[in-house]
Amino acid sequence: MDPGSSPSITPLTGGGYAEAFQNPQHDLCNRLETGTQACTSLAMTAGTSPSIAGTADGGYTEAYQASTGILWNRNAAGTATTTGLGMM
């Protein structure tokens, strides 16, 4: 995990939990209770912390500050979309 950032955790409706965190290379990563862990190639602003929330369908949505300073969302299927909103 990147120093200066904090992980986020959420329960999943089907049981278990999911975590989101920033790795030392400043990429968005997630980990499931099952031990499955994956880091994306989605660059985050260094020292920022993603947020994760469970969804009604048993998945999750992550929100994070991209390296461009823009708020992005990513779902459990891996689809990332920009909100176009700048962050400080």
PDB file of N, CA and C in Angstrom:
ATOM      1  N   MET A   1       0.839  -1.165   0.000  1.00  0.00           N
ATOM      2  CA  MET A   1       0.000   0.000   0.000  1.00  0.00           C
ATOM      3  C   MET A   1       0.890   1.235   0.000  1.00  0.00           C
ATOM      4  N   ASP A   2       0.410   2.296  -0.654  1.00  0.00           N
ATOM      5  CA  ASP A   2       1.164   3.540  -0.743  1.00  0.00           C
ATOM      6  C   ASP A   2       1.147   4.282   0.599  1.00  0.00           C
ATOM      7  N   PRO A   3       2.316   4.694   1.103  1.00  0.00           N
ATOM      8  CA  PRO A   3       2.329   5.487   2.332  1.00  0.00           C
ATOM      9  C   PRO A   3       1.520   6.769   2.133  1.00  0.00           C
ATOM     10  N   GLY A   4       0.769   7.149   3.134  1.00  0.00           N
ATOM     11  CA  GLY A   4      -0.047   8.359   3.035  1.00  0.00           C
ATOM     12  C   GLY A   4      -1.435   8.109   2.493  1.00  0.00           C
ATOM     13  N   SER A   5      -1.724   6.888   2.067  1.00  0.00           N
ATOM     14  CA  SER A   5      -3.065   6.558   1.588  1.00  0.00           C
ATOM     15  C   SER A   5      -3.710   5.576   2.561  1.00  0.00           C
ATOM     16  N   SER A   6      -5.009   5.431   2.470  1.00  0.00           N
ATOM     17  CA  SER A   6      -5.747   4.526   3.346  1.00  0.00           C
ATOM     18  C   SER A   6      -6.596   3.580   2.517  1.00  0.00           C
ATOM     19  N   PRO A   7      -6.727   2.336   2.939  1.00  0.00           N
ATOM     20  CA  PRO A   7      -7.600   1.410   2.218  1.00  0.00           C
ATOM     21  C   PRO A   7      -9.058   1.690   2.556  1.00  0.00           C
ATOM     22  N   SER A   8      -9.946   1.146   1.749  1.00  0.00           N
ATOM     23  CA  SER A   8     -11.384   1.229   1.996  1.00  0.00           C
ATOM     24  C   SER A   8     -11.932  -0.190   1.894  1.00  0.00           C
ATOM     25  N   ILE A   9     -12.944  -0.497   2.700  1.00  0.00           N
ATOM     26  CA  ILE A   9     -13.509  -1.845   2.724  1.00  0.00           C
ATOM     27  C   ILE A   9     -15.033  -1.749   2.739  1.00  0.00           C
ATOM     28  N   THR A  10     -15.691  -2.706   2.082  1.00  0.00           N
ATOM     29  CA  THR A  10     -17.156  -2.739   2.063  1.00  0.00           C
ATOM     30  C   THR A  10     -17.653  -4.177   2.140  1.00  0.00           C
ATOM     31  N   PRO A  11     -18.770  -4.408   2.826  1.00  0.00           N
ATOM     32  CA  PRO A  11     -19.379  -5.736   2.790  1.00  0.00           C
ATOM     33  C   PRO A  11     -20.087  -5.927   1.446  1.00  0.00           C
ATOM     34  N   LEU A  12     -20.151  -7.160   0.984  1.00  0.00           N
ATOM     35  CA  LEU A  12     -20.851  -7.480  -0.259  1.00  0.00           C
ATOM     36  C   LEU A  12     -22.173  -8.159   0.073  1.00  0.00           C
ATOM     37  N   THR A  13     -23.221  -7.887  -0.706  1.00  0.00           N
ATOM     38  CA  THR A  13     -24.550  -8.415  -0.402  1.00  0.00           C
ATOM     39  C   THR A  13     -24.592  -9.934  -0.434  1.00  0.00           C
ATOM     40  N   GLY A  14     -23.742 -10.564  -1.229  1.00  0.00           N
ATOM     41  CA  GLY A  14     -23.704 -12.020  -1.293  1.00  0.00           C
ATOM     42  C   GLY A  14     -22.836 -12.634  -0.216  1.00  0.00           C
ATOM     43  N   GLY A  15     -22.275 -11.805   0.653  1.00  0.00           N
ATOM     44  CA  GLY A  15     -21.364 -12.271   1.694  1.00  0.00           C
ATOM     45  C   GLY A  15     -19.941 -11.891   1.362  1.00  0.00           C
ATOM     46  N   GLY A  16     -19.121 -11.804   2.361  1.00  0.00           N
ATOM     47  CA  GLY A  16     -17.728 -11.433   2.183  1.00  0.00           C
ATOM     48  C   GLY A  16     -17.550  -9.935   2.101  1.00  0.00           C
ATOM     49  N   TYR A  17     -16.379  -9.545   1.635  1.00  0.00           N
ATOM     50  CA  TYR A  17     -16.075  -8.122   1.542  1.00  0.00           C
ATOM     51  C   TYR A  17     -15.114  -7.863   0.389  1.00  0.00           C
ATOM     52  N   ALA A  18     -14.989  -6.594   0.042  1.00  0.00           N
ATOM     53  CA  ALA A  18     -14.038  -6.151  -0.976  1.00  0.00           C
ATOM     54  C   ALA A  18     -13.284  -4.948  -0.430  1.00  0.00           C
ATOM     55  N   GLU A  19     -12.018  -4.845  -0.784  1.00  0.00           N
ATOM     56  CA  GLU A  19     -11.173  -3.731  -0.363  1.00  0.00           C
ATOM     57  C   GLU A  19     -10.632  -3.014  -1.596  1.00  0.00           C
ATOM     58  N   ALA A  20     -10.417  -1.719  -1.475  1.00  0.00           N
ATOM     59  CA  ALA A  20      -9.748  -0.926  -2.504  1.00  0.00           C
ATOM     60  C   ALA A  20      -8.578  -0.208  -1.843  1.00  0.00           C
ATOM     61  N   PHE A  21      -7.450  -0.141  -2.553  1.00  0.00           N
ATOM     62  CA  PHE A  21      -6.276   0.541  -2.004  1.00  0.00           C
ATOM     63  C   PHE A  21      -5.365   1.003  -3.137  1.00  0.00           C
ATOM     64  N   GLN A  22      -4.429   1.877  -2.795  1.00  0.00           N
ATOM     65  CA  GLN A  22      -3.443   2.372  -3.758  1.00  0.00           C
ATOM     66  C   GLN A  22      -2.118   1.662  -3.480  1.00  0.00           C
ATOM     67  N   ASN A  23      -1.517   1.080  -4.511  1.00  0.00           N
ATOM     68  CA  ASN A  23      -0.240   0.399  -4.315  1.00  0.00           C
ATOM     69  C   ASN A  23       0.913   1.417  -4.367  1.00  0.00           C
ATOM     70  N   PRO A  24       2.148   1.002  -4.051  1.00  0.00           N
ATOM     71  CA  PRO A  24       3.280   1.932  -4.062  1.00  0.00           C
ATOM     72  C   PRO A  24       3.569   2.552  -5.439  1.00  0.00           C
ATOM     73  N   GLN A  25       3.062   1.925  -6.505  1.00  0.00           N
ATOM     74  CA  GLN A  25       3.238   2.480  -7.856  1.00  0.00           C
ATOM     75  C   GLN A  25       2.112   3.456  -8.202  1.00  0.00           C
ATOM     76  N   HIS A  26       1.221   3.708  -7.248  1.00  0.00           N
ATOM     77  CA  HIS A  26       0.100   4.657  -7.372  1.00  0.00           C
ATOM     78  C   HIS A  26      -1.006   4.157  -8.295  1.00  0.00           C
ATOM     79  N   ASP A  27      -1.183   2.839  -8.377  1.00  0.00           N
ATOM     80  CA  ASP A  27      -2.269   2.245  -9.161  1.00  0.00           C
ATOM     81  C   ASP A  27      -3.409   1.844  -8.235  1.00  0.00           C
ATOM     82  N   LEU A  28      -4.636   1.850  -8.765  1.00  0.00           N
ATOM     83  CA  LEU A  28      -5.802   1.380  -8.033  1.00  0.00           C
ATOM     84  C   LEU A  28      -5.762  -0.141  -7.968  1.00  0.00           C
ATOM     85  N   CYS A  29      -5.920  -0.694  -6.765  1.00  0.00           N
ATOM     86  CA  CYS A  29      -5.919  -2.141  -6.567  1.00  0.00           C
ATOM     87  C   CYS A  29      -7.148  -2.533  -5.757  1.00  0.00           C
ATOM     88  N   ASN A  30      -7.534  -3.797  -5.860  1.00  0.00           N
ATOM     89  CA  ASN A  30      -8.615  -4.300  -5.020  1.00  0.00           C
ATOM     90  C   ASN A  30      -8.303  -5.724  -4.588  1.00  0.00           C
ATOM     91  N   ARG A  31      -8.958  -6.109  -3.510  1.00  0.00           N
ATOM     92  CA  ARG A  31      -8.765  -7.440  -2.944  1.00  0.00           C
ATOM     93  C   ARG A  31     -10.107  -7.922  -2.419  1.00  0.00           C
ATOM     94  N   LEU A  32     -10.444  -9.166  -2.717  1.00  0.00           N
ATOM     95  CA  LEU A  32     -11.674  -9.772  -2.212  1.00  0.00           C
ATOM     96  C   LEU A  32     -11.351 -10.672  -1.031  1.00  0.00           C
ATOM     97  N   GLU A  33     -12.358 -10.951  -0.222  1.00  0.00           N
ATOM     98  CA  GLU A  33     -12.190 -11.819   0.947  1.00  0.00           C
ATOM     99  C   GLU A  33     -11.610 -13.171   0.550  1.00  0.00           C
ATOM    100  N   THR A  34     -11.898 -13.609  -0.656  1.00  0.00           N
ATOM    101  CA  THR A  34     -11.413 -14.905  -1.126  1.00  0.00           C
ATOM    102  C   THR A  34      -9.901 -14.925  -1.310  1.00  0.00           C
ATOM    103  N   GLY A  35      -9.262 -13.754  -1.231  1.00  0.00           N
ATOM    104  CA  GLY A  35      -7.822 -13.667  -1.434  1.00  0.00           C
ATOM    105  C   GLY A  35      -7.447 -13.211  -2.828  1.00  0.00           C
ATOM    106  N   THR A  36      -8.434 -13.121  -3.709  1.00  0.00           N
ATOM    107  CA  THR A  36      -8.174 -12.625  -5.052  1.00  0.00           C
ATOM    108  C   THR A  36      -7.766 -11.159  -4.971  1.00  0.00           C
ATOM    109  N   GLN A  37      -6.618 -10.835  -5.517  1.00  0.00           N
ATOM    110  CA  GLN A  37      -6.136  -9.462  -5.499  1.00  0.00           C
ATOM    111  C   GLN A  37      -5.702  -9.073  -6.903  1.00  0.00           C
ATOM    112  N   ALA A  38      -6.021  -7.859  -7.303  1.00  0.00           N
ATOM    113  CA  ALA A  38      -5.638  -7.388  -8.632  1.00  0.00           C
ATOM    114  C   ALA A  38      -5.343  -5.897  -8.577  1.00  0.00           C
ATOM    115  N   CYS A  39      -4.286  -5.513  -9.255  1.00  0.00           N
ATOM    116  CA  CYS A  39      -3.982  -4.105  -9.426  1.00  0.00           C
ATOM    117  C   CYS A  39      -4.265  -3.744 -10.875  1.00  0.00           C
ATOM    118  N   THR A  40      -4.901  -2.618 -11.060  1.00  0.00           N
ATOM    119  CA  THR A  40      -5.227  -2.154 -12.396  1.00  0.00           C
ATOM    120  C   THR A  40      -4.072  -1.307 -12.919  1.00  0.00           C
ATOM    121  N   SER A  41      -4.168  -0.844 -14.123  1.00  0.00           N
ATOM    122  CA  SER A  41      -3.194   0.120 -14.660  1.00  0.00           C
ATOM    123  C   SER A  41      -3.774   1.529 -14.567  1.00  0.00           C
ATOM    124  N   LEU A  42      -4.784   1.708 -13.685  1.00  0.00           N
ATOM    125  CA  LEU A  42      -5.423   3.008 -13.506  1.00  0.00           C
ATOM    126  C   LEU A  42      -4.625   3.798 -12.482  1.00  0.00           C
ATOM    127  N   ALA A  43      -3.928   4.829 -12.955  1.00  0.00           N
ATOM    128  CA  ALA A  43      -3.048   5.626 -12.102  1.00  0.00           C
ATOM    129  C   ALA A  43      -3.845   6.588 -11.228  1.00  0.00           C
ATOM    130  N   MET A  44      -3.474   6.600  -9.943  1.00  0.00           N
ATOM    131  CA  MET A  44      -4.102   7.490  -8.973  1.00  0.00           C
ATOM    132  C   MET A  44      -3.134   8.613  -8.613  1.00  0.00           C
ATOM    133  N   THR A  45      -3.666   9.722  -8.111  1.00  0.00           N
ATOM    134  CA  THR A  45      -2.821  10.769  -7.565  1.00  0.00           C
ATOM    135  C   THR A  45      -2.145  10.205  -6.319  1.00  0.00           C
ATOM    136  N   ALA A  46      -0.834  10.356  -6.227  1.00  0.00           N
ATOM    137  CA  ALA A  46      -0.081   9.812  -5.105  1.00  0.00           C
ATOM    138  C   ALA A  46      -0.640  10.309  -3.776  1.00  0.00           C
ATOM    139  N   GLY A  47      -0.723   9.396  -2.800  1.00  0.00           N
ATOM    140  CA  GLY A  47      -1.157   9.747  -1.457  1.00  0.00           C
ATOM    141  C   GLY A  47      -2.649   9.940  -1.284  1.00  0.00           C
ATOM    142  N   THR A  48      -3.437   9.622  -2.306  1.00  0.00           N
ATOM    143  CA  THR A  48      -4.892   9.717  -2.170  1.00  0.00           C
ATOM    144  C   THR A  48      -5.461   8.339  -1.860  1.00  0.00           C
ATOM    145  N   SER A  49      -6.686   8.306  -1.371  1.00  0.00           N
ATOM    146  CA  SER A  49      -7.295   7.052  -0.932  1.00  0.00           C
ATOM    147  C   SER A  49      -8.579   6.781  -1.703  1.00  0.00           C
ATOM    148  N   PRO A  50      -8.708   5.587  -2.289  1.00  0.00           N
ATOM    149  CA  PRO A  50      -9.949   5.253  -2.973  1.00  0.00           C
ATOM    150  C   PRO A  50     -11.056   4.958  -1.970  1.00  0.00           C
ATOM    151  N   SER A  51     -12.276   4.949  -2.449  1.00  0.00           N
ATOM    152  CA  SER A  51     -13.425   4.564  -1.642  1.00  0.00           C
ATOM    153  C   SER A  51     -14.145   3.451  -2.390  1.00  0.00           C
ATOM    154  N   ILE A  52     -14.749   2.532  -1.652  1.00  0.00           N
ATOM    155  CA  ILE A  52     -15.449   1.408  -2.273  1.00  0.00           C
ATOM    156  C   ILE A  52     -16.787   1.206  -1.572  1.00  0.00           C
ATOM    157  N   ALA A  53     -17.812   0.870  -2.341  1.00  0.00           N
ATOM    158  CA  ALA A  53     -19.148   0.626  -1.793  1.00  0.00           C
ATOM    159  C   ALA A  53     -19.754  -0.583  -2.489  1.00  0.00           C
ATOM    160  N   GLY A  54     -20.396  -1.437  -1.714  1.00  0.00           N
ATOM    161  CA  GLY A  54     -21.089  -2.596  -2.271  1.00  0.00           C
ATOM    162  C   GLY A  54     -22.341  -2.160  -3.014  1.00  0.00           C
ATOM    163  N   THR A  55     -22.715  -2.916  -4.036  1.00  0.00           N
ATOM    164  CA  THR A  55     -23.923  -2.631  -4.810  1.00  0.00           C
ATOM    165  C   THR A  55     -24.955  -3.733  -4.600  1.00  0.00           C
ATOM    166  N   ALA A  56     -26.195  -3.433  -4.917  1.00  0.00           N
ATOM    167  CA  ALA A  56     -27.305  -4.365  -4.678  1.00  0.00           C
ATOM    168  C   ALA A  56     -27.140  -5.687  -5.424  1.00  0.00           C
ATOM    169  N   ASP A  57     -26.422  -5.680  -6.551  1.00  0.00           N
ATOM    170  CA  ASP A  57     -26.245  -6.901  -7.337  1.00  0.00           C
ATOM    171  C   ASP A  57     -25.095  -7.777  -6.839  1.00  0.00           C
ATOM    172  N   GLY A  58     -24.502  -7.421  -5.696  1.00  0.00           N
ATOM    173  CA  GLY A  58     -23.412  -8.209  -5.135  1.00  0.00           C
ATOM    174  C   GLY A  58     -22.038  -7.747  -5.557  1.00  0.00           C
ATOM    175  N   GLY A  59     -21.977  -6.759  -6.428  1.00  0.00           N
ATOM    176  CA  GLY A  59     -20.702  -6.213  -6.880  1.00  0.00           C
ATOM    177  C   GLY A  59     -20.278  -5.038  -6.013  1.00  0.00           C
ATOM    178  N   TYR A  60     -19.479  -4.174  -6.600  1.00  0.00           N
ATOM    179  CA  TYR A  60     -19.008  -2.989  -5.889  1.00  0.00           C
ATOM    180  C   TYR A  60     -18.673  -1.890  -6.890  1.00  0.00           C
ATOM    181  N   THR A  61     -18.565  -0.679  -6.376  1.00  0.00           N
ATOM    182  CA  THR A  61     -18.127   0.477  -7.158  1.00  0.00           C
ATOM    183  C   THR A  61     -17.013   1.165  -6.384  1.00  0.00           C
ATOM    184  N   GLU A  62     -15.947   1.501  -7.077  1.00  0.00           N
ATOM    185  CA  GLU A  62     -14.826   2.222  -6.481  1.00  0.00           C
ATOM    186  C   GLU A  62     -14.817   3.649  -7.018  1.00  0.00           C
ATOM    187  N   ALA A  63     -14.471   4.599  -6.166  1.00  0.00           N
ATOM    188  CA  ALA A  63     -14.273   5.985  -6.577  1.00  0.00           C
ATOM    189  C   ALA A  63     -12.839   6.348  -6.217  1.00  0.00           C
ATOM    190  N   TYR A  64     -12.154   7.037  -7.137  1.00  0.00           N
ATOM    191  CA  TYR A  64     -10.753   7.371  -6.888  1.00  0.00           C
ATOM    192  C   TYR A  64     -10.361   8.628  -7.656  1.00  0.00           C
ATOM    193  N   GLN A  65      -9.319   9.281  -7.158  1.00  0.00           N
ATOM    194  CA  GLN A  65      -8.781  10.454  -7.843  1.00  0.00           C
ATOM    195  C   GLN A  65      -7.697   9.978  -8.798  1.00  0.00           C
ATOM    196  N   ALA A  66      -7.958  10.132 -10.085  1.00  0.00           N
ATOM    197  CA  ALA A  66      -6.984   9.732 -11.104  1.00  0.00           C
ATOM    198  C   ALA A  66      -5.764  10.648 -11.042  1.00  0.00           C
ATOM    199  N   SER A  67      -4.682  10.222 -11.643  1.00  0.00           N
ATOM    200  CA  SER A  67      -3.450  11.009 -11.642  1.00  0.00           C
ATOM    201  C   SER A  67      -3.634  12.363 -12.334  1.00  0.00           C
ATOM    202  N   THR A  68      -4.725  12.514 -13.071  1.00  0.00           N
ATOM    203  CA  THR A  68      -5.045  13.779 -13.735  1.00  0.00           C
ATOM    204  C   THR A  68      -5.771  14.751 -12.805  1.00  0.00           C
ATOM    205  N   GLY A  69      -6.132  14.280 -11.586  1.00  0.00           N
ATOM    206  CA  GLY A  69      -6.871  15.109 -10.641  1.00  0.00           C
ATOM    207  C   GLY A  69      -8.378  15.033 -10.824  1.00  0.00           C
ATOM    208  N   ILE A  70      -8.840  14.147 -11.711  1.00  0.00           N
ATOM    209  CA  ILE A  70     -10.265  14.000 -12.015  1.00  0.00           C
ATOM    210  C   ILE A  70     -10.832  12.805 -11.243  1.00  0.00           C
ATOM    211  N   LEU A  71     -12.083  12.935 -10.763  1.00  0.00           N
ATOM    212  CA  LEU A  71     -12.775  11.837 -10.069  1.00  0.00           C
ATOM    213  C   LEU A  71     -13.237  10.799 -11.087  1.00  0.00           C
ATOM    214  N   TRP A  72     -12.863   9.552 -10.856  1.00  0.00           N
ATOM    215  CA  TRP A  72     -13.257   8.429 -11.694  1.00  0.00           C
ATOM    216  C   TRP A  72     -13.976   7.395 -10.848  1.00  0.00           C
ATOM    217  N   ASN A  73     -14.787   6.550 -11.499  1.00  0.00           N
ATOM    218  CA  ASN A  73     -15.461   5.417 -10.872  1.00  0.00           C
ATOM    219  C   ASN A  73     -15.083   4.153 -11.632  1.00  0.00           C
ATOM    220  N   ARG A  74     -15.032   3.035 -10.917  1.00  0.00           N
ATOM    221  CA  ARG A  74     -14.755   1.739 -11.544  1.00  0.00           C
ATOM    222  C   ARG A  74     -15.658   0.704 -10.882  1.00  0.00           C
ATOM    223  N   ASN A  75     -16.290  -0.152 -11.698  1.00  0.00           N
ATOM    224  CA  ASN A  75     -17.179  -1.176 -11.129  1.00  0.00           C
ATOM    225  C   ASN A  75     -16.469  -2.521 -11.047  1.00  0.00           C
ATOM    226  N   ALA A  76     -17.148  -3.499 -10.465  1.00  0.00           N
ATOM    227  CA  ALA A  76     -16.566  -4.820 -10.257  1.00  0.00           C
ATOM    228  C   ALA A  76     -16.220  -5.513 -11.568  1.00  0.00           C
ATOM    229  N   ALA A  77     -16.886  -5.153 -12.652  1.00  0.00           N
ATOM    230  CA  ALA A  77     -16.582  -5.732 -13.961  1.00  0.00           C
ATOM    231  C   ALA A  77     -15.322  -5.132 -14.575  1.00  0.00           C
ATOM    232  N   GLY A  78     -14.792  -4.067 -13.940  1.00  0.00           N
ATOM    233  CA  GLY A  78     -13.565  -3.445 -14.430  1.00  0.00           C
ATOM    234  C   GLY A  78     -13.774  -2.244 -15.315  1.00  0.00           C
ATOM    235  N   THR A  79     -15.020  -1.824 -15.498  1.00  0.00           N
ATOM    236  CA  THR A  79     -15.303  -0.661 -16.331  1.00  0.00           C
ATOM    237  C   THR A  79     -15.052   0.618 -15.551  1.00  0.00           C
ATOM    238  N   ALA A  80     -14.154   1.449 -16.048  1.00  0.00           N
ATOM    239  CA  ALA A  80     -13.839   2.727 -15.403  1.00  0.00           C
ATOM    240  C   ALA A  80     -14.412   3.866 -16.229  1.00  0.00           C
ATOM    241  N   THR A  81     -15.029   4.824 -15.547  1.00  0.00           N
ATOM    242  CA  THR A  81     -15.618   5.968 -16.239  1.00  0.00           C
ATOM    243  C   THR A  81     -15.264   7.252 -15.479  1.00  0.00           C
ATOM    244  N   THR A  82     -15.046   8.291 -16.231  1.00  0.00           N
ATOM    245  CA  THR A  82     -14.745   9.586 -15.629  1.00  0.00           C
ATOM    246  C   THR A  82     -16.035  10.329 -15.292  1.00  0.00           C
ATOM    247  N   THR A  83     -15.984  11.099 -14.222  1.00  0.00           N
ATOM    248  CA  THR A  83     -17.099  11.978 -13.898  1.00  0.00           C
ATOM    249  C   THR A  83     -16.867  13.356 -14.511  1.00  0.00           C
ATOM    250  N   GLY A  84     -15.627  13.631 -14.887  1.00  0.00           N
ATOM    251  CA  GLY A  84     -15.272  14.944 -15.412  1.00  0.00           C
ATOM    252  C   GLY A  84     -15.108  15.996 -14.323  1.00  0.00           C
ATOM    253  N   LEU A  85     -15.223  15.579 -13.057  1.00  0.00           N
ATOM    254  CA  LEU A  85     -15.145  16.508 -11.941  1.00  0.00           C
ATOM    255  C   LEU A  85     -13.738  16.568 -11.388  1.00  0.00           C
ATOM    256  N   GLY A  86     -13.192  17.768 -11.279  1.00  0.00           N
ATOM    257  CA  GLY A  86     -11.855  17.958 -10.715  1.00  0.00           C
ATOM    258  C   GLY A  86     -11.889  17.813  -9.202  1.00  0.00           C
ATOM    259  N   MET A  87     -10.769  17.352  -8.654  1.00  0.00           N
ATOM    260  CA  MET A  87     -10.641  17.189  -7.197  1.00  0.00           C
ATOM    261  C   MET A  87      -9.416  17.960  -6.734  1.00  0.00           C
ATOM    262  N   MET A  88      -9.426  18.319  -5.461  1.00  0.00           N
ATOM    263  CA  MET A  88      -8.266  19.008  -4.877  1.00  0.00           C
ATOM    264  C   MET A  88      -7.553  18.065  -3.928  1.00  0.00           C
TER     265      MET A  88
END
